[in-house]
Amino acid sequence: MTTSHSSYLIVGAGVFGASTALHLAKKYPSAKITLVDRTIPCQAGASWDWSKVVRADYTNISYMKLALEAMDVWRTDPMYKQFYHESGLIWVDDKGFARTVIENYNHLKANEKVRMTNPEEIGKLYDGMFDNAEYNGLTEILINESSGWVDASKALEKVIETAAAAGVECVEGEVACLEFAHGGSCLGVQCISGKRLSADSIVLATGAGTAKLLADSAPDRAELQAGNRLVAAAIFTGMAKLGTKQAEKFKTGPVFLHAVGQSQGASFPPNAERELKFARDLSFKNTVEHLGQLISMPPAEPDYAQWKLSQGMKNELNLVCAGIFGKEAQDFHLENYRICWDAITPNQDFLISAHSHCENLFMATGGSFHAWKFLPILGKYVVELLEGRLDPKLAKKWAWNRDDNGSAHKGLVPHREMRDIS
């Protein structure tokens, strides 16, 4: 499709954009490759974070295969494995998730150390740190010793740094709109500063800002708009600073994902700064009227107002703490609160596709709160798209126009508005 193209402009330096830039640079060292974002790395989007989970536990077997591919890179590639911590992972879920995951692993003959256990055993493991967790009457819990977490921002920065060393030009500038030829094909972008960037192929890796960017670029072209293909959504996180003794205890623990009752959320082992991370896994939208469309978008502030959590959000994070650690959570003091924005699709499939109504424009977005773990391999598939050789099954799954059947990460589809969490 685009093998004759010699220049590439990637808009957005998150996991999709950074991975695409690096894979393009490795395969086409003589091509002109430009990566643009408001800052590089950009702390406003979902890709910048203290820690992210890395696991292959999917009921959707296609994503399990992809995650196993990515995990192999996290474990073996020197550039990635320095940031990966195979701590193990505990899932508390009452929707049949665990059994399907184990069936999928067995079908793929995967070597993951995954099994069912019970709350009594979990309470005895990891120095008893989950002895008082809320299990809501469940008798079976999934534990996967082959999962873990990543120092997210450090890994992303390393990928961008490596891409730059391979020849990618990194440009800091906030993109105002796409620019088009008279025939409607995409030529490039214009930044708020007035700077123009052009290329043969333009890749939008713009996450939560995608729908707004398309609306700002061509409000009179209905066929160009995102419509219901994706929506900007957010979750929120907080960090508990641990003392030295506490950090020694908790650093041996796993990621804990709680998907039952009022405590829905996650905890991550402490990072090098002795910060224990909590996330509330109930997302929300921010729907506003924009240029004649109802669009969900992050708040119109340079940093998406990501550090401004309502008291209601803080209260929900306290529920997560208590649900995972019980009375021990009374000793935690949460700080470094953050709102994390991403683009979520109706069935959480990625959007890795040529835009059906705009020549030279390609989409690489729709992370849907589960794309981060694929950082090492996302760019590989975007490059295959650009070359016109993406596997037909994946091309159909990730297309601009597609059937939204099935689900990859359904629990994080937003069913509430930001203003309602007071």
Protein backbone atom coordinates (compact mmCIF):
# COMPACT_ATOMS: atom_id res chain seq x y z
CA MET A 1 0.00 0.00 0.00
CA THR A 2 2.63 2.55 1.02
CA THR A 3 5.93 0.80 0.37
CA SER A 4 6.89 3.63 -1.98
CA HIS A 5 6.43 6.22 0.74
CA SER A 6 9.68 7.62 2.03
CA SER A 7 8.46 9.90 4.82
CA TYR A 8 6.29 9.27 7.86
CA LEU A 9 4.73 11.67 10.34
CA ILE A 10 3.57 10.10 13.60
CA VAL A 11 1.29 12.30 15.70
CA GLY A 12 1.43 11.29 19.36
CA ALA A 13 4.39 9.92 21.33
CA GLY A 14 2.57 7.40 23.52
CA VAL A 15 2.95 3.62 23.22
CA PHE A 16 1.45 3.43 19.73
CA GLY A 17 3.45 6.35 18.37
CA ALA A 18 6.76 5.57 20.06
CA SER A 19 6.65 1.90 19.11
CA THR A 20 5.74 2.76 15.51
CA ALA A 21 8.59 5.26 15.26
CA LEU A 22 11.13 2.74 16.53
CA HIS A 23 9.96 -0.12 14.29
CA LEU A 24 9.90 2.13 11.23
CA ALA A 25 13.39 3.44 11.96
CA LYS A 26 14.75 -0.07 12.34
CA LYS A 27 13.22 -1.29 9.11
CA TYR A 28 13.63 1.85 7.00
CA PRO A 29 16.74 3.64 8.27
CA SER A 30 16.86 5.94 5.24
CA ALA A 31 13.23 7.10 5.56
CA LYS A 32 12.34 10.49 7.03
CA ILE A 33 10.42 9.73 10.22
CA THR A 34 9.03 12.49 12.43
CA LEU A 35 7.40 12.03 15.83
CA VAL A 36 5.44 15.01 17.12
CA ASP A 37 3.68 15.67 20.43
CA ARG A 38 3.13 18.62 22.76
CA THR A 39 6.06 17.36 24.82
CA ILE A 40 8.16 14.26 24.32
CA PRO A 41 7.45 12.25 26.31
CA CYS A 42 4.01 13.68 26.98
CA GLN A 43 2.74 13.26 30.54
CA ALA A 44 -0.88 14.05 29.70
CA GLY A 45 -1.90 10.76 28.12
CA ALA A 46 -2.40 7.19 29.32
CA SER A 47 1.05 6.02 28.19
CA TRP A 48 2.98 8.04 30.76
CA ASP A 49 2.65 6.44 34.17
CA TRP A 50 4.62 5.11 37.11
CA SER A 51 3.72 1.48 36.54
CA LYS A 52 1.64 -0.66 34.18
CA VAL A 53 0.58 -4.29 34.36
CA VAL A 54 2.05 -6.82 31.94
CA ARG A 55 0.00 -10.01 31.64
CA ALA A 56 -1.44 -12.32 29.02
CA ASP A 57 -4.62 -13.14 30.95
CA TYR A 58 -7.29 -12.60 28.29
CA THR A 59 -10.57 -14.32 27.60
CA ASN A 60 -10.07 -13.08 24.03
CA ILE A 61 -7.57 -15.58 22.65
CA SER A 62 -6.31 -13.22 19.91
CA TYR A 63 -5.07 -10.76 22.52
CA MET A 64 -3.67 -13.58 24.63
CA LYS A 65 -1.49 -14.58 21.66
CA LEU A 66 -0.34 -10.99 21.16
CA ALA A 67 0.32 -10.53 24.86
CA LEU A 68 2.41 -13.70 25.01
CA GLU A 69 4.44 -12.35 22.09
CA ALA A 70 4.95 -9.05 23.89
CA MET A 71 5.82 -10.73 27.19
CA ASP A 72 8.55 -12.73 25.50
CA VAL A 73 10.15 -9.43 24.49
CA TRP A 74 9.73 -7.96 27.99
CA ARG A 75 11.52 -10.99 29.42
CA THR A 76 14.36 -11.36 26.91
CA ASP A 77 15.17 -8.09 25.11
CA PRO A 78 17.86 -6.14 27.03
CA MET A 79 16.19 -2.81 26.25
CA TYR A 80 12.88 -3.88 27.76
CA LYS A 81 13.68 -6.40 30.47
CA GLN A 82 15.48 -3.84 32.63
CA PHE A 83 12.08 -2.26 33.33
CA TYR A 84 10.07 -5.47 33.78
CA HIS A 85 9.32 -7.01 37.17
CA GLU A 86 7.77 -10.49 37.13
CA SER A 87 6.02 -10.15 40.48
CA GLY A 88 3.04 -12.36 39.78
CA LEU A 89 -0.59 -11.30 39.63
CA ILE A 90 -3.79 -12.09 41.55
CA TRP A 91 -7.24 -11.74 39.95
CA VAL A 92 -10.41 -11.47 42.02
CA ASP A 93 -13.30 -11.88 39.58
CA ASP A 94 -16.76 -13.44 39.78
CA LYS A 95 -17.73 -13.51 36.09
CA GLY A 96 -16.10 -16.73 34.94
CA PHE A 97 -13.02 -14.88 33.74
CA ALA A 98 -10.47 -17.13 35.41
CA ARG A 99 -11.70 -20.43 34.00
CA THR A 100 -11.77 -19.05 30.44
CA VAL A 101 -8.25 -17.68 30.83
CA ILE A 102 -6.92 -21.06 31.95
CA GLU A 103 -8.74 -22.78 29.07
CA ASN A 104 -7.13 -20.36 26.62
CA TYR A 105 -3.65 -20.99 28.04
CA ASN A 106 -4.21 -24.72 27.74
CA HIS A 107 -5.44 -24.35 24.17
CA LEU A 108 -2.32 -22.38 23.24
CA LYS A 109 -0.07 -24.76 25.21
CA ALA A 110 1.43 -21.73 26.93
CA ASN A 111 3.96 -22.16 29.73
CA GLU A 112 2.48 -19.52 32.03
CA LYS A 113 2.42 -20.47 35.72
CA VAL A 114 -1.29 -19.93 36.20
CA ARG A 115 -3.71 -21.76 38.49
CA MET A 116 -6.80 -21.44 40.61
CA THR A 117 -6.42 -21.02 44.35
CA ASN A 118 -8.59 -19.87 47.25
CA PRO A 119 -8.70 -16.89 49.62
CA GLU A 120 -7.23 -18.97 52.43
CA GLU A 121 -4.06 -19.71 50.49
CA ILE A 122 -3.79 -16.13 49.22
CA GLY A 123 -4.01 -14.95 52.82
CA LYS A 124 -0.96 -17.05 53.71
CA LEU A 125 1.15 -15.98 50.74
CA TYR A 126 3.22 -12.80 50.42
CA ASP A 127 3.78 -12.44 54.17
CA GLY A 128 0.02 -12.32 54.72
CA MET A 129 -0.42 -8.90 53.08
CA PHE A 130 -3.77 -9.90 51.54
CA ASP A 131 -5.16 -11.73 54.55
CA ASN A 132 -7.83 -9.05 55.05
CA ALA A 133 -8.76 -8.46 51.41
CA GLU A 134 -12.43 -8.46 50.44
CA TYR A 135 -13.14 -11.64 48.46
CA ASN A 136 -16.93 -11.17 48.45
CA GLY A 137 -17.65 -14.81 49.11
CA LEU A 138 -15.54 -16.13 46.23
CA THR A 139 -13.96 -19.52 46.73
CA GLU A 140 -11.72 -19.51 43.65
CA ILE A 141 -9.09 -16.91 42.81
CA LEU A 142 -6.77 -16.79 39.78
CA ILE A 143 -3.06 -16.46 40.45
CA ASN A 144 -0.53 -16.08 37.64
CA GLU A 145 3.09 -16.16 38.73
CA SER A 146 4.20 -15.35 35.16
CA SER A 147 2.73 -11.85 35.09
CA GLY A 148 4.14 -8.62 36.43
CA TRP A 149 4.52 -4.90 35.97
CA VAL A 150 6.73 -2.35 34.23
CA ASP A 151 8.32 0.97 35.18
CA ALA A 152 6.11 2.54 32.55
CA SER A 153 7.40 6.06 31.97
CA LYS A 154 11.03 4.90 32.07
CA ALA A 155 10.35 2.20 29.46
CA LEU A 156 8.49 4.62 27.20
CA GLU A 157 11.29 7.17 27.46
CA LYS A 158 13.83 4.50 26.54
CA VAL A 159 11.89 3.52 23.42
CA ILE A 160 11.69 7.16 22.30
CA GLU A 161 15.38 7.69 23.07
CA THR A 162 16.29 4.61 21.02
CA ALA A 163 14.09 5.74 18.14
CA ALA A 164 15.76 9.16 18.15
CA ALA A 165 19.19 7.55 18.14
CA ALA A 166 18.05 5.54 15.10
CA GLY A 167 17.23 8.74 13.22
CA VAL A 168 13.68 9.65 14.19
CA GLU A 169 13.20 13.41 14.45
CA CYS A 170 11.31 14.29 17.63
CA VAL A 171 9.38 17.56 17.41
CA GLU A 172 7.68 19.17 20.38
CA GLY A 173 4.59 21.11 19.38
CA GLU A 174 0.86 20.90 20.02
CA VAL A 175 -0.95 19.86 16.86
CA ALA A 176 -3.95 22.07 16.05
CA CYS A 177 -5.31 20.28 12.99
CA LEU A 178 -4.61 18.06 10.04
CA GLU A 179 -4.02 19.65 6.66
CA PHE A 180 -5.53 18.34 3.44
CA ALA A 181 -4.96 18.60 -0.29
CA HIS A 182 -7.76 19.87 -2.56
CA GLY A 183 -8.73 16.27 -3.24
CA GLY A 184 -9.12 15.57 0.45
CA SER A 185 -6.00 13.47 1.06
CA CYS A 186 -3.97 14.22 4.18
CA LEU A 187 -0.78 16.23 3.72
CA GLY A 188 0.34 16.65 7.31
CA VAL A 189 -0.43 18.80 10.35
CA GLN A 190 -0.31 22.35 11.54
CA CYS A 191 0.77 23.10 15.08
CA ILE A 192 -0.71 25.81 17.28
CA SER A 193 2.59 27.68 16.85
CA GLY A 194 1.96 27.80 13.09
CA LYS A 195 4.65 25.22 12.31
CA ARG A 196 3.68 22.81 9.54
CA LEU A 197 4.84 19.22 9.25
CA SER A 198 4.21 17.05 6.18
CA ALA A 199 4.87 13.49 5.05
CA ASP A 200 3.77 10.83 2.61
CA SER A 201 2.06 8.89 5.40
CA ILE A 202 0.48 10.43 8.49
CA VAL A 203 -0.16 8.14 11.46
CA LEU A 204 -2.55 9.34 14.17
CA ALA A 205 -1.50 7.86 17.49
CA THR A 206 -3.44 10.52 19.35
CA GLY A 207 -5.34 8.51 21.96
CA ALA A 208 -7.94 10.45 23.91
CA GLY A 209 -7.49 13.49 21.67
CA THR A 210 -8.37 11.69 18.44
CA ALA A 211 -12.06 12.60 18.11
CA LYS A 212 -11.42 16.27 18.89
CA LEU A 213 -8.50 16.47 16.45
CA LEU A 214 -10.61 15.06 13.62
CA ALA A 215 -13.44 17.45 14.45
CA ASP A 216 -11.08 20.44 14.57
CA SER A 217 -9.46 19.41 11.30
CA ALA A 218 -12.54 19.01 9.10
CA PRO A 219 -15.83 19.75 10.91
CA ASP A 220 -17.69 19.76 7.58
CA ARG A 221 -16.49 16.28 6.55
CA ALA A 222 -18.81 13.87 8.36
CA GLU A 223 -17.06 10.85 6.87
CA LEU A 224 -13.80 11.84 8.55
CA GLN A 225 -15.14 11.93 12.11
CA ALA A 226 -14.56 9.30 14.77
CA GLY A 227 -18.26 8.94 15.53
CA ASN A 228 -18.86 5.98 17.84
CA ARG A 229 -15.61 4.26 16.87
CA LEU A 230 -13.85 5.47 19.98
CA VAL A 231 -14.45 7.66 23.01
CA ALA A 232 -12.11 9.47 25.37
CA ALA A 233 -12.35 7.88 28.80
CA ALA A 234 -10.38 8.06 32.03
CA ILE A 235 -9.57 6.22 35.22
CA PHE A 236 -7.72 7.65 38.21
CA THR A 237 -4.81 6.59 40.35
CA GLY A 238 -3.06 7.48 43.59
CA MET A 239 0.26 6.64 45.25
CA ALA A 240 0.97 5.71 48.87
CA LYS A 241 4.47 6.59 50.04
CA LEU A 242 5.81 3.72 52.13
CA GLY A 243 8.40 3.71 54.85
CA THR A 244 11.58 1.71 54.33
CA LYS A 245 10.34 -1.30 56.32
CA GLN A 246 6.93 -1.27 54.64
CA ALA A 247 8.52 -1.04 51.19
CA GLU A 248 10.69 -4.08 51.90
CA LYS A 249 7.57 -6.08 52.72
CA PHE A 250 5.39 -4.91 49.84
CA LYS A 251 8.03 -5.09 47.11
CA THR A 252 7.77 -8.90 47.20
CA GLY A 253 4.04 -8.78 46.50
CA PRO A 254 2.17 -9.21 43.20
CA VAL A 255 -0.07 -6.96 41.20
CA PHE A 256 -3.58 -7.36 42.66
CA LEU A 257 -6.58 -6.84 40.36
CA HIS A 258 -9.93 -6.64 42.16
CA ALA A 259 -12.97 -6.78 39.86
CA VAL A 260 -15.74 -7.44 42.38
CA GLY A 261 -18.01 -5.20 44.45
CA GLN A 262 -17.17 -1.68 45.58
CA SER A 263 -13.43 -2.26 45.60
CA GLN A 264 -12.93 -2.54 41.84
CA GLY A 265 -9.40 -1.47 41.12
CA ALA A 266 -5.79 -2.52 41.34
CA SER A 267 -2.64 -2.23 43.40
CA PHE A 268 0.95 -2.39 42.16
CA PRO A 269 4.11 -3.23 44.15
CA PRO A 270 6.18 -0.21 45.19
CA ASN A 271 8.55 1.38 42.70
CA ALA A 272 12.10 2.53 43.38
CA GLU A 273 10.72 5.61 45.13
CA ARG A 274 8.80 3.35 47.59
CA GLU A 275 5.45 4.38 46.11
CA LEU A 276 2.62 1.83 46.15
CA LYS A 277 0.22 2.56 43.30
CA PHE A 278 -3.57 2.18 43.37
CA ALA A 279 -5.94 2.49 40.41
CA ARG A 280 -9.73 2.76 40.34
CA ASP A 281 -10.91 0.59 37.45
CA LEU A 282 -14.28 2.26 36.86
CA SER A 283 -13.87 4.67 33.96
CA PHE A 284 -15.80 7.79 32.99
CA LYS A 285 -16.32 10.15 30.04
CA ASN A 286 -16.29 13.93 29.72
CA THR A 287 -18.94 14.61 27.08
CA VAL A 288 -19.19 18.14 25.71
CA GLU A 289 -20.62 19.79 22.61
CA HIS A 290 -17.84 20.64 20.21
CA LEU A 291 -18.33 22.03 16.69
CA GLY A 292 -21.80 20.53 16.45
CA GLN A 293 -20.84 17.13 17.83
CA LEU A 294 -21.19 15.55 21.25
CA ILE A 295 -17.64 14.40 21.93
CA SER A 296 -15.97 13.03 25.02
CA MET A 297 -12.61 14.72 25.50
CA PRO A 298 -10.18 15.49 28.31
CA PRO A 299 -10.56 18.88 30.01
CA ALA A 300 -9.29 21.76 27.87
CA GLU A 301 -6.14 22.40 29.90
CA PRO A 302 -2.54 21.81 28.80
CA ASP A 303 -2.15 18.83 31.15
CA TYR A 304 -5.78 17.63 30.87
CA ALA A 305 -6.20 18.80 34.50
CA GLN A 306 -4.87 15.35 35.32
CA TRP A 307 -3.76 16.23 38.84
CA LYS A 308 -7.14 17.61 39.94
CA LEU A 309 -9.18 14.79 41.45
CA SER A 310 -12.54 15.44 43.08
CA GLN A 311 -13.14 14.29 46.62
CA GLY A 312 -15.42 11.61 45.22
CA MET A 313 -12.54 10.18 43.18
CA LYS A 314 -10.29 10.15 46.23
CA ASN A 315 -13.00 8.39 48.23
CA GLU A 316 -13.26 5.69 45.55
CA LEU A 317 -9.50 5.10 45.69
CA ASN A 318 -9.80 4.64 49.44
CA LEU A 319 -12.34 1.88 48.74
CA VAL A 320 -9.79 0.16 46.50
CA CYS A 321 -7.13 0.38 49.22
CA ALA A 322 -9.43 -1.09 51.85
CA GLY A 323 -10.75 -3.80 49.55
CA ILE A 324 -7.27 -5.07 48.74
CA PHE A 325 -5.35 -4.54 51.98
CA GLY A 326 -8.07 -4.38 54.63
CA LYS A 327 -7.09 -2.82 57.95
CA GLU A 328 -3.49 -2.40 56.80
CA ALA A 329 -4.75 0.26 54.39
CA GLN A 330 -5.42 2.50 57.38
CA ASP A 331 -1.69 3.23 57.44
CA PHE A 332 -1.62 4.42 53.83
CA HIS A 333 -1.73 8.11 52.95
CA LEU A 334 -2.51 8.55 49.26
CA GLU A 335 -0.88 11.35 47.30
CA ASN A 336 0.25 12.02 43.73
CA TYR A 337 -3.30 11.55 42.51
CA ARG A 338 -3.67 11.43 38.73
CA ILE A 339 -6.41 11.13 36.10
CA CYS A 340 -5.35 8.90 33.22
CA TRP A 341 -7.03 9.48 29.81
CA ASP A 342 -7.18 6.94 26.98
CA ALA A 343 -9.27 6.22 23.88
CA ILE A 344 -11.59 3.25 24.27
CA THR A 345 -13.41 1.48 21.44
CA PRO A 346 -16.81 -0.22 21.81
CA ASN A 347 -15.31 -3.70 22.12
CA GLN A 348 -11.82 -2.57 23.16
CA ASP A 349 -10.20 -3.71 19.91
CA PHE A 350 -7.41 -1.42 18.79
CA LEU A 351 -7.83 0.89 15.82
CA ILE A 352 -4.85 0.11 13.56
CA SER A 353 -6.10 0.93 10.10
CA ALA A 354 -5.99 3.16 7.09
CA HIS A 355 -8.67 5.82 7.38
CA SER A 356 -11.34 4.65 4.95
CA HIS A 357 -12.14 8.17 3.75
CA CYS A 358 -8.79 9.94 3.69
CA GLU A 359 -5.81 8.94 1.60
CA ASN A 360 -2.42 8.88 3.35
CA LEU A 361 -4.04 8.97 6.82
CA PHE A 362 -3.60 6.00 9.14
CA MET A 363 -4.89 5.31 12.65
CA ALA A 364 -2.92 3.71 15.49
CA THR A 365 -4.94 4.26 18.63
CA GLY A 366 -7.82 2.88 20.70
CA GLY A 367 -5.65 1.51 23.50
CA SER A 368 -8.77 0.91 25.62
CA PHE A 369 -6.78 0.72 28.87
CA HIS A 370 -5.03 -2.51 27.91
CA ALA A 371 -2.61 -1.60 25.08
CA TRP A 372 0.35 -0.52 27.20
CA LYS A 373 1.73 -4.04 27.70
CA PHE A 374 2.09 -4.35 23.90
CA LEU A 375 4.63 -1.49 23.69
CA PRO A 376 7.42 -3.75 22.32
CA ILE A 377 5.32 -5.05 19.42
CA LEU A 378 2.63 -2.47 18.56
CA GLY A 379 4.85 -0.75 16.04
CA LYS A 380 5.54 -4.01 14.26
CA TYR A 381 1.84 -4.32 13.39
CA VAL A 382 1.49 -0.66 12.42
CA VAL A 383 4.42 -1.07 10.03
CA GLU A 384 2.75 -4.14 8.55
CA LEU A 385 -0.38 -2.04 8.05
CA LEU A 386 1.62 0.67 6.29
CA GLU A 387 3.21 -1.94 4.06
CA GLY A 388 -0.16 -3.43 3.18
CA ARG A 389 0.63 -6.86 4.63
CA LEU A 390 -1.16 -6.86 7.98
CA ASP A 391 -2.73 -10.26 8.65
CA PRO A 392 -6.28 -10.14 7.22
CA LYS A 393 -7.83 -11.29 10.49
CA LEU A 394 -6.11 -8.51 12.43
CA ALA A 395 -6.85 -6.01 9.67
CA LYS A 396 -10.55 -6.86 9.97
CA LYS A 397 -10.46 -6.73 13.78
CA TRP A 398 -8.68 -3.35 13.86
CA ALA A 399 -10.33 -1.70 10.84
CA TRP A 400 -11.83 1.80 10.70
CA ASN A 401 -15.15 0.24 9.70
CA ARG A 402 -15.76 -3.06 11.45
CA ASP A 403 -18.21 -5.17 13.39
CA ASP A 404 -17.85 -4.49 17.10
CA ASN A 405 -18.46 -8.03 18.27
CA GLY A 406 -16.88 -9.60 21.33
CA SER A 407 -14.87 -7.86 24.00
CA ALA A 408 -11.21 -7.50 24.95
CA HIS A 409 -11.44 -5.51 28.21
CA LYS A 410 -15.14 -4.87 28.79
CA GLY A 411 -14.89 -3.90 32.46
CA LEU A 412 -13.42 -0.51 31.60
CA VAL A 413 -16.11 0.72 29.21
CA PRO A 414 -17.28 4.09 30.62
CA HIS A 415 -20.85 4.26 31.93
CA ARG A 416 -20.65 7.57 33.82
CA GLU A 417 -19.60 11.17 33.33
CA MET A 418 -16.71 12.96 35.00
CA ARG A 419 -19.04 15.59 36.50
CA ASP A 420 -20.97 12.89 38.36
CA ILE A 421 -18.00 11.87 40.53
CA SER A 422 -18.14 14.77 42.97
